[in-house]
């Protein structure tokens, strides 16, 4: 019981912190955004705006585009979904690591538990038409649906924005009973 109370107090303290700094010290104010009618939350920089459907279709012409995309000029945060059960998260991360390592630079993978759910984490560099892209991705199951949260920016902006990206993906919060 004491450990549960301690964990809840730590989560509340984390939820209250809405500021993160870029590598050069620029303060970025975030706000807690609710996704899928409050099934999960993420902190997104207030200076980011949500892309409209036409811009999402233009930016993600192949495959399934993310459902939500927040962006500024340097970075994006996307949330997308597909079918996935909690027990399949480790298998998904292992598969993604194997596929990505064939053509991309995989930096790190991890699987951990948060609020009773399994969360997979991948960090990798992918190739785009004109530059390389740093990606920090989370994957988890939400009611049998795969949720993928991705922070990305060009590798030229990686050093500056990586602390903000880590803050965003680590802000993932599941409400009690959610």
N, C-alpha and C. Protein backbone atom coordinates (compact mmCIF):
# COMPACT_ATOMS: atom_id res chain seq x y z
N UNK A 1 0.83 -1.20 0.00
CA UNK A 1 0.00 0.00 0.00
C UNK A 1 0.87 1.25 0.00
N UNK A 2 1.95 1.23 0.80
CA UNK A 2 2.85 2.37 0.83
C UNK A 2 3.51 2.59 -0.53
N UNK A 3 3.89 1.49 -1.21
CA UNK A 3 4.51 1.60 -2.52
C UNK A 3 3.51 2.17 -3.54
N UNK A 4 2.24 1.76 -3.47
CA UNK A 4 1.22 2.31 -4.37
C UNK A 4 1.03 3.80 -4.14
N UNK A 5 0.97 4.20 -2.88
CA UNK A 5 0.81 5.61 -2.54
C UNK A 5 2.02 6.40 -3.02
N UNK A 6 3.21 5.86 -2.81
CA UNK A 6 4.44 6.52 -3.25
C UNK A 6 4.45 6.67 -4.77
N UNK A 7 4.06 5.63 -5.49
CA UNK A 7 4.00 5.67 -6.95
C UNK A 7 3.00 6.71 -7.42
N UNK A 8 1.82 6.76 -6.78
CA UNK A 8 0.80 7.74 -7.16
C UNK A 8 1.27 9.17 -6.91
N UNK A 9 1.96 9.39 -5.79
CA UNK A 9 2.48 10.72 -5.49
C UNK A 9 3.55 11.12 -6.51
N UNK A 10 4.39 10.19 -6.92
CA UNK A 10 5.40 10.46 -7.92
C UNK A 10 4.74 10.81 -9.26
N UNK A 11 3.70 10.05 -9.65
CA UNK A 11 2.99 10.32 -10.89
C UNK A 11 2.34 11.70 -10.86
N UNK A 12 1.76 12.08 -9.73
CA UNK A 12 1.15 13.40 -9.60
C UNK A 12 2.20 14.50 -9.74
N UNK A 13 3.35 14.32 -9.13
CA UNK A 13 4.43 15.30 -9.24
C UNK A 13 4.88 15.43 -10.70
N UNK A 14 4.99 14.29 -11.39
CA UNK A 14 5.38 14.32 -12.80
C UNK A 14 4.33 15.04 -13.65
N UNK A 15 3.05 14.83 -13.33
CA UNK A 15 1.98 15.49 -14.08
C UNK A 15 1.99 17.01 -13.89
N UNK A 16 2.41 17.46 -12.72
CA UNK A 16 2.43 18.90 -12.44
C UNK A 16 3.53 19.63 -13.18
N UNK A 17 4.62 18.95 -13.54
CA UNK A 17 5.73 19.61 -14.24
C UNK A 17 5.38 19.76 -15.72
N UNK A 18 5.22 21.00 -16.16
CA UNK A 18 4.86 21.27 -17.55
C UNK A 18 5.96 21.98 -18.32
N UNK A 19 7.18 21.98 -17.78
CA UNK A 19 8.28 22.68 -18.46
C UNK A 19 9.44 21.73 -18.70
N UNK A 20 10.06 21.89 -19.86
CA UNK A 20 11.25 21.14 -20.22
C UNK A 20 12.12 22.09 -21.03
N UNK A 21 13.41 21.85 -21.01
CA UNK A 21 14.33 22.71 -21.76
C UNK A 21 14.98 21.95 -22.91
N UNK A 22 15.19 22.67 -24.00
CA UNK A 22 15.98 22.11 -25.09
C UNK A 22 17.43 22.06 -24.63
N UNK A 23 18.30 21.44 -25.40
CA UNK A 23 19.72 21.33 -25.03
C UNK A 23 20.35 22.69 -24.77
N UNK A 24 19.96 23.71 -25.56
CA UNK A 24 20.55 25.04 -25.40
C UNK A 24 19.90 25.85 -24.28
N UNK A 25 18.90 25.27 -23.61
CA UNK A 25 18.28 25.93 -22.47
C UNK A 25 16.98 26.67 -22.77
N UNK A 26 16.48 26.58 -23.99
CA UNK A 26 15.20 27.22 -24.31
C UNK A 26 14.09 26.51 -23.54
N UNK A 27 13.29 27.28 -22.80
CA UNK A 27 12.19 26.72 -22.03
C UNK A 27 11.03 26.38 -22.96
N UNK A 28 10.52 25.17 -22.86
CA UNK A 28 9.37 24.74 -23.65
C UNK A 28 8.25 24.41 -22.68
N UNK A 29 7.16 25.17 -22.75
CA UNK A 29 6.01 24.91 -21.89
C UNK A 29 5.10 23.90 -22.58
N UNK A 30 4.66 22.90 -21.82
CA UNK A 30 3.80 21.86 -22.38
C UNK A 30 2.43 21.89 -21.70
N UNK A 31 1.51 21.20 -22.31
CA UNK A 31 0.19 21.02 -21.69
C UNK A 31 -0.21 19.56 -21.85
N UNK A 32 -0.94 19.07 -20.86
CA UNK A 32 -1.38 17.68 -20.87
C UNK A 32 -2.55 17.55 -21.84
N UNK A 33 -2.38 16.73 -22.87
CA UNK A 33 -3.42 16.53 -23.88
C UNK A 33 -4.04 15.15 -23.69
N UNK A 34 -5.34 15.11 -23.86
CA UNK A 34 -6.11 13.90 -23.66
C UNK A 34 -6.35 13.26 -25.03
N UNK A 35 -6.10 11.96 -25.12
CA UNK A 35 -6.29 11.22 -26.36
C UNK A 35 -7.33 10.13 -26.15
N UNK A 36 -8.10 9.89 -27.19
CA UNK A 36 -9.11 8.83 -27.17
C UNK A 36 -10.04 8.97 -25.95
N UNK A 37 -10.61 10.16 -25.81
CA UNK A 37 -11.56 10.45 -24.73
C UNK A 37 -11.00 10.14 -23.34
N UNK A 38 -9.74 10.51 -23.14
CA UNK A 38 -9.13 10.38 -21.82
C UNK A 38 -8.58 9.01 -21.49
N UNK A 39 -8.43 8.14 -22.52
CA UNK A 39 -7.87 6.81 -22.25
C UNK A 39 -6.38 6.88 -21.95
N UNK A 40 -5.69 7.90 -22.51
CA UNK A 40 -4.30 8.17 -22.15
C UNK A 40 -4.00 9.63 -22.43
N UNK A 41 -2.91 10.10 -21.83
CA UNK A 41 -2.53 11.51 -21.91
C UNK A 41 -1.05 11.63 -22.25
N UNK A 42 -0.70 12.72 -22.90
CA UNK A 42 0.69 13.07 -23.20
C UNK A 42 0.84 14.58 -23.04
N UNK A 43 2.03 15.00 -22.66
CA UNK A 43 2.32 16.43 -22.63
C UNK A 43 2.86 16.83 -23.99
N UNK A 44 2.25 17.86 -24.57
CA UNK A 44 2.64 18.35 -25.89
C UNK A 44 3.01 19.82 -25.74
N UNK A 45 4.10 20.27 -26.36
CA UNK A 45 4.45 21.69 -26.26
C UNK A 45 3.30 22.60 -26.70
N UNK A 46 3.04 23.64 -25.91
CA UNK A 46 1.97 24.58 -26.24
C UNK A 46 2.21 25.27 -27.57
N UNK A 47 3.49 25.41 -27.95
CA UNK A 47 3.81 26.09 -29.20
C UNK A 47 3.55 25.21 -30.44
N UNK A 48 3.26 23.93 -30.24
CA UNK A 48 2.95 23.04 -31.35
C UNK A 48 1.49 23.22 -31.74
N UNK A 49 1.20 23.02 -33.02
CA UNK A 49 -0.20 23.06 -33.46
C UNK A 49 -0.54 21.70 -34.07
N UNK A 50 -1.84 21.39 -34.05
CA UNK A 50 -2.28 20.11 -34.59
C UNK A 50 -2.42 20.24 -36.10
N UNK A 51 -1.86 19.29 -36.84
CA UNK A 51 -1.98 19.28 -38.29
C UNK A 51 -3.40 18.96 -38.70
N UNK A 52 -3.85 19.60 -39.76
CA UNK A 52 -5.17 19.25 -40.29
C UNK A 52 -5.04 18.00 -41.16
N UNK A 53 -6.18 17.41 -41.49
CA UNK A 53 -6.22 16.14 -42.21
C UNK A 53 -5.50 16.22 -43.56
N UNK A 54 -5.63 17.34 -44.28
CA UNK A 54 -4.98 17.48 -45.58
C UNK A 54 -3.46 17.46 -45.44
N UNK A 55 -2.94 18.16 -44.43
CA UNK A 55 -1.49 18.21 -44.21
C UNK A 55 -0.97 16.84 -43.76
N UNK A 56 -1.74 16.13 -42.92
CA UNK A 56 -1.34 14.78 -42.49
C UNK A 56 -1.24 13.86 -43.71
N UNK A 57 -2.23 13.93 -44.61
CA UNK A 57 -2.22 13.10 -45.82
C UNK A 57 -1.02 13.43 -46.70
N UNK A 58 -0.65 14.70 -46.76
CA UNK A 58 0.50 15.12 -47.56
C UNK A 58 1.82 14.65 -46.94
N UNK A 59 1.94 14.77 -45.63
CA UNK A 59 3.17 14.39 -44.93
C UNK A 59 3.34 12.87 -44.85
N UNK A 60 2.24 12.12 -44.78
CA UNK A 60 2.27 10.66 -44.64
C UNK A 60 1.52 10.02 -45.81
N UNK A 61 2.08 10.09 -47.04
CA UNK A 61 1.35 9.59 -48.21
C UNK A 61 1.28 8.07 -48.31
N UNK A 62 2.17 7.35 -47.65
CA UNK A 62 2.21 5.88 -47.74
C UNK A 62 1.70 5.25 -46.46
N UNK A 63 0.94 4.18 -46.59
CA UNK A 63 0.49 3.43 -45.42
C UNK A 63 -0.55 4.15 -44.61
N UNK A 64 -0.59 3.82 -43.34
CA UNK A 64 -1.57 4.38 -42.42
C UNK A 64 -1.00 5.62 -41.74
N UNK A 65 -1.58 6.79 -41.98
CA UNK A 65 -1.08 7.99 -41.31
C UNK A 65 -1.49 8.02 -39.84
N UNK A 66 -0.74 8.76 -39.02
CA UNK A 66 -1.14 8.91 -37.62
C UNK A 66 -2.49 9.59 -37.51
N UNK A 67 -3.20 9.29 -36.46
CA UNK A 67 -4.50 9.89 -36.21
C UNK A 67 -4.36 11.34 -35.74
N UNK A 68 -3.34 11.59 -34.92
CA UNK A 68 -3.07 12.92 -34.39
C UNK A 68 -1.62 13.28 -34.70
N UNK A 69 -1.39 14.50 -35.15
CA UNK A 69 -0.02 14.98 -35.37
C UNK A 69 0.05 16.42 -34.87
N UNK A 70 1.00 16.67 -33.97
CA UNK A 70 1.28 18.01 -33.47
C UNK A 70 2.66 18.39 -33.96
N UNK A 71 2.86 19.64 -34.37
CA UNK A 71 4.14 19.99 -34.97
C UNK A 71 4.51 21.45 -34.79
N UNK A 72 5.81 21.72 -34.92
CA UNK A 72 6.33 23.05 -35.18
C UNK A 72 7.25 22.86 -36.39
N UNK A 73 8.11 23.82 -36.68
CA UNK A 73 8.96 23.66 -37.87
C UNK A 73 10.00 22.55 -37.72
N UNK A 74 10.47 22.30 -36.49
CA UNK A 74 11.58 21.37 -36.30
C UNK A 74 11.17 19.94 -35.96
N UNK A 75 10.02 19.76 -35.33
CA UNK A 75 9.69 18.46 -34.76
C UNK A 75 8.23 18.11 -34.95
N UNK A 76 7.93 16.82 -34.75
CA UNK A 76 6.54 16.38 -34.75
C UNK A 76 6.32 15.37 -33.64
N UNK A 77 5.08 15.30 -33.18
CA UNK A 77 4.64 14.27 -32.24
C UNK A 77 3.41 13.66 -32.89
N UNK A 78 3.41 12.34 -33.09
CA UNK A 78 2.28 11.69 -33.73
C UNK A 78 1.73 10.57 -32.88
N UNK A 79 0.43 10.33 -33.01
CA UNK A 79 -0.23 9.22 -32.32
C UNK A 79 -1.06 8.48 -33.35
N UNK A 80 -0.81 7.17 -33.48
CA UNK A 80 -1.57 6.36 -34.43
C UNK A 80 -2.02 5.08 -33.76
N UNK A 81 -2.85 4.30 -34.45
CA UNK A 81 -3.35 3.08 -33.83
C UNK A 81 -3.58 1.97 -34.85
N UNK A 82 -3.60 0.72 -34.33
CA UNK A 82 -3.88 -0.51 -35.08
C UNK A 82 -4.19 -1.56 -34.02
N UNK A 83 -4.44 -2.81 -34.41
CA UNK A 83 -4.77 -3.84 -33.42
C UNK A 83 -3.51 -4.35 -32.72
N UNK A 84 -3.56 -4.50 -31.39
CA UNK A 84 -2.45 -5.03 -30.61
C UNK A 84 -2.95 -5.32 -29.20
N UNK A 85 -2.58 -6.47 -28.67
CA UNK A 85 -2.90 -6.81 -27.29
C UNK A 85 -1.68 -6.53 -26.41
N UNK A 86 -1.89 -6.30 -25.12
CA UNK A 86 -0.82 -6.00 -24.19
C UNK A 86 0.27 -7.08 -24.24
N UNK A 87 -0.13 -8.33 -24.34
CA UNK A 87 0.82 -9.44 -24.35
C UNK A 87 1.68 -9.47 -25.61
N UNK A 88 1.34 -8.67 -26.63
CA UNK A 88 2.07 -8.67 -27.89
C UNK A 88 3.10 -7.53 -27.99
N UNK A 89 3.18 -6.66 -27.00
CA UNK A 89 4.06 -5.50 -27.08
C UNK A 89 5.52 -5.91 -27.22
N UNK A 90 6.00 -6.84 -26.38
CA UNK A 90 7.39 -7.29 -26.47
C UNK A 90 7.68 -7.86 -27.85
N UNK A 91 6.79 -8.69 -28.35
CA UNK A 91 6.97 -9.29 -29.68
C UNK A 91 7.02 -8.19 -30.75
N UNK A 92 6.17 -7.18 -30.64
CA UNK A 92 6.16 -6.07 -31.60
C UNK A 92 7.49 -5.32 -31.57
N UNK A 93 8.00 -5.01 -30.37
CA UNK A 93 9.28 -4.29 -30.24
C UNK A 93 10.42 -5.12 -30.83
N UNK A 94 10.45 -6.42 -30.53
CA UNK A 94 11.49 -7.30 -31.08
C UNK A 94 11.43 -7.32 -32.61
N UNK A 95 10.22 -7.41 -33.15
CA UNK A 95 10.03 -7.42 -34.60
C UNK A 95 10.50 -6.10 -35.22
N UNK A 96 10.08 -4.98 -34.61
CA UNK A 96 10.47 -3.67 -35.13
C UNK A 96 11.98 -3.48 -35.08
N UNK A 97 12.61 -3.93 -34.01
CA UNK A 97 14.06 -3.82 -33.89
C UNK A 97 14.74 -4.61 -35.01
N UNK A 98 14.25 -5.82 -35.27
CA UNK A 98 14.81 -6.66 -36.33
C UNK A 98 14.64 -6.00 -37.70
N UNK A 99 13.44 -5.51 -37.99
CA UNK A 99 13.17 -4.88 -39.28
C UNK A 99 13.97 -3.59 -39.44
N UNK A 100 13.96 -2.75 -38.41
CA UNK A 100 14.65 -1.47 -38.50
C UNK A 100 16.16 -1.63 -38.61
N UNK A 101 16.72 -2.63 -37.94
CA UNK A 101 18.18 -2.80 -37.95
C UNK A 101 18.70 -3.19 -39.33
N UNK A 102 17.82 -3.64 -40.22
CA UNK A 102 18.26 -4.00 -41.57
C UNK A 102 18.56 -2.77 -42.42
N UNK A 103 17.87 -1.66 -42.15
CA UNK A 103 18.07 -0.48 -42.99
C UNK A 103 18.19 0.83 -42.21
N UNK A 104 17.95 0.81 -40.92
CA UNK A 104 17.99 2.02 -40.11
C UNK A 104 19.02 1.85 -39.00
N UNK A 105 19.33 2.92 -38.34
CA UNK A 105 20.24 2.88 -37.20
C UNK A 105 19.41 2.81 -35.92
N UNK A 106 19.34 1.62 -35.31
CA UNK A 106 18.60 1.44 -34.06
C UNK A 106 19.50 1.90 -32.91
N UNK A 107 19.00 2.85 -32.12
CA UNK A 107 19.79 3.39 -31.01
C UNK A 107 19.51 2.68 -29.70
N UNK A 108 18.24 2.29 -29.49
CA UNK A 108 17.87 1.71 -28.20
C UNK A 108 16.46 1.12 -28.29
N UNK A 109 16.24 0.02 -27.57
CA UNK A 109 14.89 -0.51 -27.40
C UNK A 109 14.71 -0.87 -25.93
N UNK A 110 13.47 -0.85 -25.49
CA UNK A 110 13.18 -1.12 -24.09
C UNK A 110 11.71 -1.51 -23.98
N UNK A 111 11.39 -2.38 -23.04
CA UNK A 111 10.00 -2.73 -22.72
C UNK A 111 9.88 -2.63 -21.22
N UNK A 112 8.84 -1.92 -20.75
CA UNK A 112 8.65 -1.72 -19.32
C UNK A 112 7.17 -1.64 -18.99
N UNK A 113 6.87 -1.67 -17.72
CA UNK A 113 5.48 -1.58 -17.27
C UNK A 113 5.20 -0.18 -16.72
N UNK A 114 4.05 0.36 -17.08
CA UNK A 114 3.61 1.66 -16.55
C UNK A 114 2.12 1.55 -16.24
N UNK A 115 1.77 1.77 -15.01
CA UNK A 115 0.37 1.71 -14.56
C UNK A 115 -0.29 0.39 -14.96
N UNK A 116 0.46 -0.71 -14.85
CA UNK A 116 -0.09 -2.03 -15.14
C UNK A 116 -0.16 -2.37 -16.61
N UNK A 117 0.40 -1.53 -17.48
CA UNK A 117 0.41 -1.81 -18.92
C UNK A 117 1.84 -1.97 -19.40
N UNK A 118 1.99 -2.79 -20.43
CA UNK A 118 3.29 -2.99 -21.05
C UNK A 118 3.50 -1.91 -22.10
N UNK A 119 4.65 -1.24 -22.02
CA UNK A 119 4.98 -0.17 -22.95
C UNK A 119 6.31 -0.52 -23.62
N UNK A 120 6.33 -0.48 -24.93
CA UNK A 120 7.56 -0.70 -25.69
C UNK A 120 8.11 0.64 -26.13
N UNK A 121 9.43 0.76 -26.14
CA UNK A 121 10.09 2.01 -26.51
C UNK A 121 11.20 1.70 -27.51
N UNK A 122 11.25 2.49 -28.59
CA UNK A 122 12.30 2.35 -29.59
C UNK A 122 12.83 3.74 -29.93
N UNK A 123 14.14 3.82 -30.06
CA UNK A 123 14.78 5.05 -30.55
C UNK A 123 15.63 4.65 -31.74
N UNK A 124 15.45 5.34 -32.88
CA UNK A 124 16.18 4.98 -34.08
C UNK A 124 16.28 6.19 -35.02
N UNK A 125 17.19 6.07 -35.98
CA UNK A 125 17.36 7.08 -37.02
C UNK A 125 16.92 6.45 -38.33
N UNK A 126 16.03 7.12 -39.04
CA UNK A 126 15.54 6.63 -40.32
C UNK A 126 15.92 7.61 -41.43
N UNK A 127 15.90 7.11 -42.64
CA UNK A 127 16.24 7.93 -43.80
C UNK A 127 14.97 8.55 -44.37
N UNK A 128 15.05 9.82 -44.73
CA UNK A 128 13.99 10.50 -45.47
C UNK A 128 14.60 10.92 -46.81
N UNK A 129 13.79 11.51 -47.66
CA UNK A 129 14.26 11.87 -49.00
C UNK A 129 15.46 12.82 -48.95
N UNK A 130 15.43 13.79 -48.05
CA UNK A 130 16.46 14.82 -48.06
C UNK A 130 17.31 14.91 -46.79
N UNK A 131 17.00 14.09 -45.76
CA UNK A 131 17.76 14.13 -44.51
C UNK A 131 17.47 12.87 -43.71
N UNK A 132 18.16 12.68 -42.62
CA UNK A 132 17.87 11.58 -41.70
C UNK A 132 16.98 12.10 -40.58
N UNK A 133 16.14 11.23 -40.04
CA UNK A 133 15.15 11.60 -39.02
C UNK A 133 15.41 10.80 -37.75
N UNK A 134 15.49 11.52 -36.62
CA UNK A 134 15.58 10.88 -35.30
C UNK A 134 14.16 10.59 -34.84
N UNK A 135 13.90 9.35 -34.39
CA UNK A 135 12.58 8.91 -33.94
C UNK A 135 12.66 8.36 -32.52
N UNK A 136 11.73 8.74 -31.69
CA UNK A 136 11.59 8.18 -30.35
C UNK A 136 10.14 7.71 -30.26
N UNK A 137 9.94 6.40 -30.21
CA UNK A 137 8.61 5.80 -30.37
C UNK A 137 8.23 5.00 -29.13
N UNK A 138 6.95 5.13 -28.75
CA UNK A 138 6.35 4.27 -27.73
C UNK A 138 5.24 3.49 -28.40
N UNK A 139 5.04 2.26 -27.95
CA UNK A 139 3.92 1.45 -28.43
C UNK A 139 3.30 0.77 -27.21
N UNK A 140 1.97 0.77 -27.17
CA UNK A 140 1.25 0.12 -26.07
C UNK A 140 -0.13 -0.28 -26.57
N UNK A 141 -0.78 -1.14 -25.81
CA UNK A 141 -2.12 -1.59 -26.14
C UNK A 141 -3.13 -0.78 -25.33
N UNK A 142 -4.20 -0.41 -25.98
CA UNK A 142 -5.28 0.33 -25.33
C UNK A 142 -6.60 -0.29 -25.78
N UNK A 143 -7.16 -1.15 -24.94
CA UNK A 143 -8.41 -1.81 -25.31
C UNK A 143 -8.28 -2.67 -26.55
N UNK A 144 -7.14 -3.33 -26.72
CA UNK A 144 -6.93 -4.19 -27.89
C UNK A 144 -6.45 -3.43 -29.11
N UNK A 145 -6.30 -2.11 -29.01
CA UNK A 145 -5.81 -1.30 -30.11
C UNK A 145 -4.36 -0.93 -29.86
N UNK A 146 -3.56 -1.04 -30.89
CA UNK A 146 -2.16 -0.61 -30.81
C UNK A 146 -2.13 0.91 -30.85
N UNK A 147 -1.43 1.51 -29.92
CA UNK A 147 -1.21 2.95 -29.93
C UNK A 147 0.28 3.16 -30.11
N UNK A 148 0.63 3.99 -31.05
CA UNK A 148 2.02 4.32 -31.29
C UNK A 148 2.16 5.83 -31.11
N UNK A 149 3.06 6.22 -30.23
CA UNK A 149 3.37 7.63 -30.00
C UNK A 149 4.78 7.84 -30.51
N UNK A 150 4.97 8.79 -31.40
CA UNK A 150 6.28 9.02 -31.98
C UNK A 150 6.66 10.49 -31.90
N UNK A 151 7.84 10.75 -31.38
CA UNK A 151 8.45 12.07 -31.47
C UNK A 151 9.52 11.96 -32.53
N UNK A 152 9.57 12.91 -33.47
CA UNK A 152 10.68 12.88 -34.42
C UNK A 152 11.09 14.28 -34.83
N UNK A 153 12.34 14.35 -35.26
CA UNK A 153 12.91 15.59 -35.77
C UNK A 153 14.08 15.22 -36.68
N UNK A 154 14.56 16.18 -37.45
CA UNK A 154 15.72 15.89 -38.29
C UNK A 154 16.93 15.65 -37.39
N UNK A 155 17.90 14.90 -37.88
CA UNK A 155 19.10 14.64 -37.08
C UNK A 155 19.85 15.95 -36.80
N UNK A 156 19.69 16.94 -37.67
CA UNK A 156 20.31 18.24 -37.43
C UNK A 156 19.75 18.90 -36.17
N UNK A 157 18.50 18.61 -35.83
CA UNK A 157 17.85 19.17 -34.64
C UNK A 157 17.82 18.20 -33.47
N UNK A 158 18.35 17.00 -33.65
CA UNK A 158 18.26 15.95 -32.63
C UNK A 158 18.87 16.38 -31.30
N UNK A 159 20.09 16.86 -31.32
CA UNK A 159 20.76 17.21 -30.06
C UNK A 159 19.98 18.27 -29.30
N UNK A 160 19.45 19.25 -30.01
CA UNK A 160 18.70 20.34 -29.38
C UNK A 160 17.36 19.87 -28.82
N UNK A 161 16.64 19.03 -29.60
CA UNK A 161 15.26 18.68 -29.25
C UNK A 161 15.09 17.33 -28.56
N UNK A 162 16.13 16.50 -28.50
CA UNK A 162 16.01 15.19 -27.87
C UNK A 162 15.52 15.26 -26.42
N UNK A 163 15.98 16.22 -25.59
CA UNK A 163 15.44 16.29 -24.22
C UNK A 163 13.93 16.54 -24.19
N UNK A 164 13.44 17.34 -25.13
CA UNK A 164 12.01 17.63 -25.20
C UNK A 164 11.26 16.37 -25.65
N UNK A 165 11.79 15.67 -26.64
CA UNK A 165 11.16 14.44 -27.11
C UNK A 165 11.07 13.40 -26.01
N UNK A 166 12.15 13.25 -25.25
CA UNK A 166 12.13 12.29 -24.13
C UNK A 166 11.09 12.69 -23.09
N UNK A 167 11.01 13.98 -22.79
CA UNK A 167 10.02 14.49 -21.84
C UNK A 167 8.61 14.16 -22.33
N UNK A 168 8.36 14.37 -23.61
CA UNK A 168 7.02 14.12 -24.17
C UNK A 168 6.66 12.64 -24.05
N UNK A 169 7.51 11.74 -24.53
CA UNK A 169 7.14 10.32 -24.50
C UNK A 169 7.10 9.78 -23.09
N UNK A 170 7.96 10.31 -22.18
CA UNK A 170 7.93 9.86 -20.81
C UNK A 170 6.73 10.41 -20.04
N UNK A 171 6.04 11.40 -20.62
CA UNK A 171 4.86 11.96 -19.96
C UNK A 171 3.62 11.09 -20.15
N UNK A 172 3.73 10.01 -20.89
CA UNK A 172 2.58 9.11 -21.10
C UNK A 172 1.94 8.79 -19.76
N UNK A 173 0.65 9.01 -19.67
CA UNK A 173 -0.08 8.80 -18.42
C UNK A 173 -1.38 8.06 -18.71
N UNK A 174 -1.63 7.04 -17.92
CA UNK A 174 -2.89 6.31 -17.99
C UNK A 174 -3.68 6.64 -16.74
N UNK A 175 -4.91 7.14 -16.88
CA UNK A 175 -5.70 7.43 -15.68
C UNK A 175 -6.08 6.14 -14.95
N UNK A 176 -6.30 6.25 -13.66
CA UNK A 176 -6.69 5.08 -12.86
C UNK A 176 -7.93 4.44 -13.45
N UNK A 177 -7.89 3.14 -13.59
CA UNK A 177 -9.04 2.39 -14.14
C UNK A 177 -9.19 2.52 -15.62
N UNK A 178 -8.20 3.18 -16.31
CA UNK A 178 -8.32 3.42 -17.75
C UNK A 178 -7.86 2.30 -18.60
